[in-house]
């Protein structure tokens, strides 16, 4: 598969059709004409921490080790000083086992289960608000020119989001450069893959931006803040609780980022206005999610 110029900028670029993550199905449209449509695959992945089964996630199946690491990290089940001794993925059994030097037992935590509002409904364990206690996010600045550049680059990058829909993308960025682009049927999975990659590569978070194609919900804010990332941006909208939590922890929250437009509902003190919106091009029609794909 050839790599486009936009993809070559990424440390991890999004995958496309033909990668085993989609398949072609046939049907009939509203005019009675036969149509072939590329659709995203969806499969279960059961995550174990040592000998304990933690959760079964519905996922597209790529980067299972990053997904497992990131999920456990964002749930507070992997601690900052934990040593991961082994990661074992069994494709046939659809399981991934994370083993640590520390003996773990999260039976009590697993009893406190919250279903989240995301697509491919996610699950968080324990008291969600506990995750935000003691978080102090870096006061790093955010140039509006970076937002415009990132939006243009990301929305022009070939991806499953553009080719097949029914999927969310999450991109880890530094200033105006997108670094790692992960996709999944649930935005929570895509974020967890980013968290897992950062953990594996010992990447610092205080100067990063997290971009998502999905809604800015409470879960997205909690995950971003717990990862130590000070800025969360999306082409989509907000929930009231997401905004409230962002304001509580000092997270800069940018939504409805499309073309020359955006709105910031939290953390405006980080913004540096160094771009003239009138000089920014509107996003191309091809970059917009088509009806029926969300």
Protein backbone atom coordinates (compact mmCIF):
# COMPACT_ATOMS: atom_id res chain seq x y z
CA UNK A 1 0.00 0.00 0.00
CA UNK A 2 1.41 3.38 -0.99
CA UNK A 3 1.94 6.09 1.61
CA UNK A 4 0.69 9.60 0.88
CA UNK A 5 2.62 12.75 1.79
CA UNK A 6 0.13 13.53 4.56
CA UNK A 7 0.55 10.05 6.04
CA UNK A 8 4.35 10.29 6.00
CA UNK A 9 4.19 13.09 8.60
CA UNK A 10 2.86 10.69 11.23
CA UNK A 11 4.77 8.38 13.53
CA UNK A 12 1.70 6.13 13.23
CA UNK A 13 -0.66 6.94 10.37
CA UNK A 14 -4.26 5.73 10.11
CA UNK A 15 -4.87 2.53 8.23
CA UNK A 16 -7.15 2.31 5.21
CA UNK A 17 -9.40 -0.13 3.43
CA UNK A 18 -7.82 -3.42 2.44
CA UNK A 19 -5.99 -3.66 5.76
CA UNK A 20 -8.26 -6.40 7.10
CA UNK A 21 -10.10 -3.84 9.22
CA UNK A 22 -12.94 -3.48 6.70
CA UNK A 23 -14.83 -5.68 4.30
CA UNK A 24 -17.14 -5.08 1.37
CA UNK A 25 -20.86 -5.82 1.70
CA UNK A 26 -23.53 -5.52 -0.95
CA UNK A 27 -27.00 -4.09 -0.73
CA UNK A 28 -29.67 -2.09 -2.52
CA UNK A 29 -30.12 1.67 -2.23
CA UNK A 30 -33.27 3.81 -2.13
CA UNK A 31 -33.58 3.61 -5.93
CA UNK A 32 -33.34 -0.17 -5.95
CA UNK A 33 -29.84 -0.12 -7.44
CA UNK A 34 -27.21 -2.58 -6.23
CA UNK A 35 -24.42 -1.00 -4.22
CA UNK A 36 -21.14 -2.20 -2.74
CA UNK A 37 -20.12 -0.60 0.53
CA UNK A 38 -16.92 -0.81 2.55
CA UNK A 39 -17.78 -1.34 6.22
CA UNK A 40 -15.64 -1.53 9.35
CA UNK A 41 -15.08 -4.88 11.04
CA UNK A 42 -15.90 -5.17 14.74
CA UNK A 43 -14.62 -7.87 17.07
CA UNK A 44 -14.29 -8.50 20.82
CA UNK A 45 -11.03 -8.19 22.74
CA UNK A 46 -10.85 -9.42 26.33
CA UNK A 47 -8.26 -7.67 28.49
CA UNK A 48 -6.61 -9.43 31.42
CA UNK A 49 -4.37 -7.85 34.05
CA UNK A 50 -2.24 -10.71 35.35
CA UNK A 51 -4.74 -13.50 36.14
CA UNK A 52 -7.79 -11.23 36.43
CA UNK A 53 -10.23 -10.65 33.57
CA UNK A 54 -10.95 -6.91 33.42
CA UNK A 55 -13.20 -6.16 30.45
CA UNK A 56 -14.21 -7.21 26.95
CA UNK A 57 -14.07 -4.32 24.50
CA UNK A 58 -15.57 -4.17 21.02
CA UNK A 59 -12.82 -2.94 18.73
CA UNK A 60 -11.59 -3.01 15.15
CA UNK A 61 -8.71 -5.21 16.30
CA UNK A 62 -5.61 -3.18 15.49
CA UNK A 63 -2.97 -2.38 18.13
CA UNK A 64 -4.46 -4.65 20.85
CA UNK A 65 -1.40 -4.18 23.08
CA UNK A 66 -1.73 -0.38 23.01
CA UNK A 67 -5.47 -0.63 23.66
CA UNK A 68 -4.96 -2.90 26.68
CA UNK A 69 -2.14 -0.82 28.15
CA UNK A 70 -4.00 2.44 27.64
CA UNK A 71 -7.28 1.13 29.04
CA UNK A 72 -5.61 -0.16 32.20
CA UNK A 73 -3.61 3.06 32.54
CA UNK A 74 -6.67 5.27 32.15
CA UNK A 75 -8.65 3.16 34.64
CA UNK A 76 -5.92 3.59 37.25
CA UNK A 77 -5.16 -0.14 37.24
CA UNK A 78 -1.65 0.39 35.90
CA UNK A 79 0.27 2.71 38.20
CA UNK A 80 2.99 5.15 37.17
CA UNK A 81 5.70 3.04 38.79
CA UNK A 82 4.41 -0.35 37.61
CA UNK A 83 6.79 -2.56 35.67
CA UNK A 84 5.12 -4.40 32.80
CA UNK A 85 6.87 -7.75 32.52
CA UNK A 86 4.96 -9.21 29.57
CA UNK A 87 2.24 -8.48 27.02
CA UNK A 88 0.69 -11.57 25.43
CA UNK A 89 -1.84 -11.28 22.59
CA UNK A 90 -3.71 -14.34 21.32
CA UNK A 91 -5.53 -13.55 18.09
CA UNK A 92 -7.47 -16.84 18.06
CA UNK A 93 -8.72 -16.42 21.64
CA UNK A 94 -9.18 -12.67 21.14
CA UNK A 95 -7.40 -11.90 24.40
CA UNK A 96 -4.52 -9.75 25.55
CA UNK A 97 -2.83 -10.32 28.92
CA UNK A 98 -0.78 -7.60 30.61
CA UNK A 99 1.51 -8.94 33.31
CA UNK A 100 3.18 -6.77 35.94
CA UNK A 101 5.82 -7.23 38.60
CA UNK A 102 3.27 -5.98 41.14
CA UNK A 103 0.56 -8.36 42.33
CA UNK A 104 -2.82 -6.87 41.42
CA UNK A 105 -6.41 -7.47 42.53
CA UNK A 106 -9.16 -5.09 41.42
CA UNK A 107 -12.20 -7.15 42.42
CA UNK A 108 -13.69 -4.32 44.46
CA UNK A 109 -13.04 -1.72 41.76
CA UNK A 110 -14.65 -3.92 39.11
CA UNK A 111 -17.89 -3.93 41.09
CA UNK A 112 -18.24 -0.19 40.46
CA UNK A 113 -18.99 -0.18 36.75
CA UNK A 114 -20.21 2.79 34.70
CA UNK A 115 -21.38 2.48 31.10
CA UNK A 116 -20.27 5.50 29.10
CA UNK A 117 -22.07 7.48 26.41
CA UNK A 118 -19.65 6.68 23.61
CA UNK A 119 -20.23 4.70 20.45
CA UNK A 120 -19.57 0.97 20.98
CA UNK A 121 -20.50 1.70 24.57
CA UNK A 122 -17.47 1.90 26.83
CA UNK A 123 -17.02 1.02 30.46
CA UNK A 124 -15.15 2.72 33.28
CA UNK A 125 -14.56 1.24 36.71
CA UNK A 126 -14.55 2.81 40.15
CA UNK A 127 -15.44 6.39 41.01
CA UNK A 128 -14.88 8.46 37.84
CA UNK A 129 -14.19 11.60 39.86
CA UNK A 130 -11.33 9.95 41.76
CA UNK A 131 -9.32 10.09 38.54
CA UNK A 132 -9.35 13.91 38.54
CA UNK A 133 -8.18 14.41 42.10
CA UNK A 134 -4.78 16.04 42.34
CA UNK A 135 -4.40 16.58 38.59
CA UNK A 136 -2.41 19.69 37.66
CA UNK A 137 -2.17 20.26 33.93
CA UNK A 138 0.71 22.18 32.38
CA UNK A 139 0.08 25.82 31.47
CA UNK A 140 1.59 25.37 27.99
CA UNK A 141 0.32 27.78 25.33
CA UNK A 142 -1.86 26.94 22.34
CA UNK A 143 -1.44 28.90 19.12
CA UNK A 144 -4.58 29.28 17.03
CA UNK A 145 -2.41 28.74 13.94
CA UNK A 146 -1.63 25.24 15.26
CA UNK A 147 -5.34 24.45 15.48
CA UNK A 148 -5.97 25.50 11.90
CA UNK A 149 -2.95 23.60 10.58
CA UNK A 150 -3.81 20.45 12.52
CA UNK A 151 -7.43 20.52 11.39
CA UNK A 152 -6.41 20.88 7.75
CA UNK A 153 -3.78 18.12 7.92
CA UNK A 154 -5.90 15.63 9.84
CA UNK A 155 -9.04 16.12 7.77
CA UNK A 156 -7.09 15.55 4.57
CA UNK A 157 -5.34 12.39 5.78
CA UNK A 158 -6.65 9.17 4.18
CA UNK A 159 -8.26 7.12 6.94
CA UNK A 160 -10.97 4.62 7.76
CA UNK A 161 -13.00 7.60 9.02
CA UNK A 162 -13.08 9.09 5.52
CA UNK A 163 -13.31 5.85 3.53
CA UNK A 164 -15.78 3.78 5.54
CA UNK A 165 -17.24 5.94 8.33
CA UNK A 166 -18.88 4.40 11.44
CA UNK A 167 -15.63 5.03 13.28
CA UNK A 168 -13.87 7.65 15.36
CA UNK A 169 -10.34 9.00 15.06
CA UNK A 170 -8.10 10.36 17.80
CA UNK A 171 -4.79 12.06 17.06
CA UNK A 172 -1.92 12.92 19.40
CA UNK A 173 -0.31 16.15 18.28
CA UNK A 174 2.63 18.38 19.16
CA UNK A 175 2.17 22.02 18.21
CA UNK A 176 1.10 21.91 14.53
CA UNK A 177 2.28 18.35 13.84
CA UNK A 178 0.01 15.29 14.13
CA UNK A 179 2.03 12.40 15.57
CA UNK A 180 -0.10 9.31 16.16
CA UNK A 181 -3.50 8.72 14.57
CA UNK A 182 -5.63 5.93 16.06
CA UNK A 183 -9.15 4.88 15.04
CA UNK A 184 -11.82 2.63 16.50
CA UNK A 185 -15.58 2.12 16.65
CA UNK A 186 -15.59 3.87 20.03
CA UNK A 187 -13.68 7.07 20.66
CA UNK A 188 -12.77 5.75 24.13
CA UNK A 189 -10.84 2.89 22.47
CA UNK A 190 -8.99 5.27 20.17
CA UNK A 191 -7.94 7.39 23.15
CA UNK A 192 -6.81 4.32 25.08
CA UNK A 193 -4.63 3.27 22.13
CA UNK A 194 -2.98 6.70 22.24
CA UNK A 195 -2.45 6.32 26.01
CA UNK A 196 -0.96 2.86 25.51
CA UNK A 197 1.46 4.13 22.86
CA UNK A 198 2.55 7.02 25.09
CA UNK A 199 3.12 4.61 27.97
CA UNK A 200 5.13 2.22 25.79
CA UNK A 201 7.29 5.00 24.38
CA UNK A 202 7.59 7.04 27.60
CA UNK A 203 6.21 10.11 25.81
CA UNK A 204 5.59 13.21 27.94
CA UNK A 205 2.13 14.72 27.83
CA UNK A 206 2.46 18.29 29.06
CA UNK A 207 3.13 19.82 25.61
CA UNK A 208 0.68 17.70 23.62
CA UNK A 209 -2.74 18.28 22.05
CA UNK A 210 -5.35 15.55 21.72
CA UNK A 211 -7.65 15.84 18.68
CA UNK A 212 -10.78 13.74 18.28
CA UNK A 213 -13.51 13.44 15.69
CA UNK A 214 -16.04 12.63 18.40
CA UNK A 215 -18.07 14.54 20.96
CA UNK A 216 -16.38 16.19 23.92
CA UNK A 217 -18.01 14.19 26.69
CA UNK A 218 -17.15 13.77 30.37
CA UNK A 219 -15.33 10.53 29.58
CA UNK A 220 -13.15 12.20 26.96
CA UNK A 221 -12.27 15.01 29.36
CA UNK A 222 -11.46 12.59 32.19
CA UNK A 223 -9.25 10.40 29.98
CA UNK A 224 -7.40 13.38 28.50
CA UNK A 225 -6.79 15.01 31.88
CA UNK A 226 -5.71 11.72 33.48
CA UNK A 227 -3.17 11.31 30.66
CA UNK A 228 -1.77 14.75 31.58
CA UNK A 229 -2.61 16.33 28.21
CA UNK A 230 -3.65 20.00 28.66
CA UNK A 231 -5.60 20.52 25.41
CA UNK A 232 -8.50 18.56 23.89
CA UNK A 233 -9.91 19.59 20.51
CA UNK A 234 -12.68 18.21 18.31
CA UNK A 235 -14.55 18.90 15.11
CA UNK A 236 -17.69 17.92 17.05
CA UNK A 237 -19.63 19.48 19.93
CA UNK A 238 -19.75 19.37 23.72
CA UNK A 239 -21.74 17.95 26.60
CA UNK A 240 -22.44 20.19 29.59
CA UNK A 241 -20.69 17.85 32.03
CA UNK A 242 -17.69 17.60 29.73
CA UNK A 243 -17.36 21.39 29.79
CA UNK A 244 -17.87 21.54 33.57
CA UNK A 245 -15.15 18.95 34.23
CA UNK A 246 -12.75 20.64 31.81
CA UNK A 247 -13.21 23.93 33.65
CA UNK A 248 -12.71 22.15 36.97
CA UNK A 249 -9.31 20.68 36.02
CA UNK A 250 -8.11 23.56 33.81
CA UNK A 251 -8.25 21.64 30.53
CA UNK A 252 -8.44 23.72 27.35
CA UNK A 253 -11.49 22.47 25.45
CA UNK A 254 -11.85 23.36 21.76
CA UNK A 255 -14.94 22.23 19.85
CA UNK A 256 -16.61 22.65 16.46
CA UNK A 257 -13.18 23.02 14.87
CA UNK A 258 -14.00 23.13 11.17
CA UNK A 259 -12.30 25.28 8.58
CA UNK A 260 -11.81 28.75 10.09
CA UNK A 261 -14.27 28.22 12.94
CA UNK A 262 -13.89 26.91 16.48
CA UNK A 263 -15.16 27.66 19.96
CA UNK A 264 -13.26 27.39 23.24
CA UNK A 265 -15.37 26.74 26.36
CA UNK A 266 -12.57 26.13 28.87
CA UNK A 267 -8.94 27.10 29.34
CA UNK A 268 -9.00 30.19 27.13
CA UNK A 269 -5.95 31.55 28.97
CA UNK A 270 -3.71 29.18 26.97
CA UNK A 271 -4.75 30.64 23.61
CA UNK A 272 -2.35 32.76 21.57
CA UNK A 273 -4.18 34.41 18.68
CA UNK A 274 -1.55 34.31 15.94
CA UNK A 275 -3.69 33.48 12.89
CA UNK A 276 -6.16 35.55 10.90
CA UNK A 277 -9.31 33.43 10.38
CA UNK A 278 -9.99 35.26 7.12
CA UNK A 279 -6.82 33.73 5.70
CA UNK A 280 -7.88 30.19 6.62
CA UNK A 281 -9.51 28.02 3.96
CA UNK A 282 -12.79 26.25 4.65
CA UNK A 283 -12.43 22.47 4.85
CA UNK A 284 -13.07 20.56 1.61
CA UNK A 285 -16.36 18.73 1.14
CA UNK A 286 -14.47 15.41 0.98
CA UNK A 287 -13.26 15.89 4.55
CA UNK A 288 -16.80 16.09 5.93
CA UNK A 289 -18.46 13.02 7.39
CA UNK A 290 -21.13 11.83 5.00
CA UNK A 291 -24.66 11.19 6.20
CA UNK A 292 -25.24 7.72 7.52
CA UNK A 293 -21.60 7.06 8.36
CA UNK A 294 -21.59 8.24 11.97
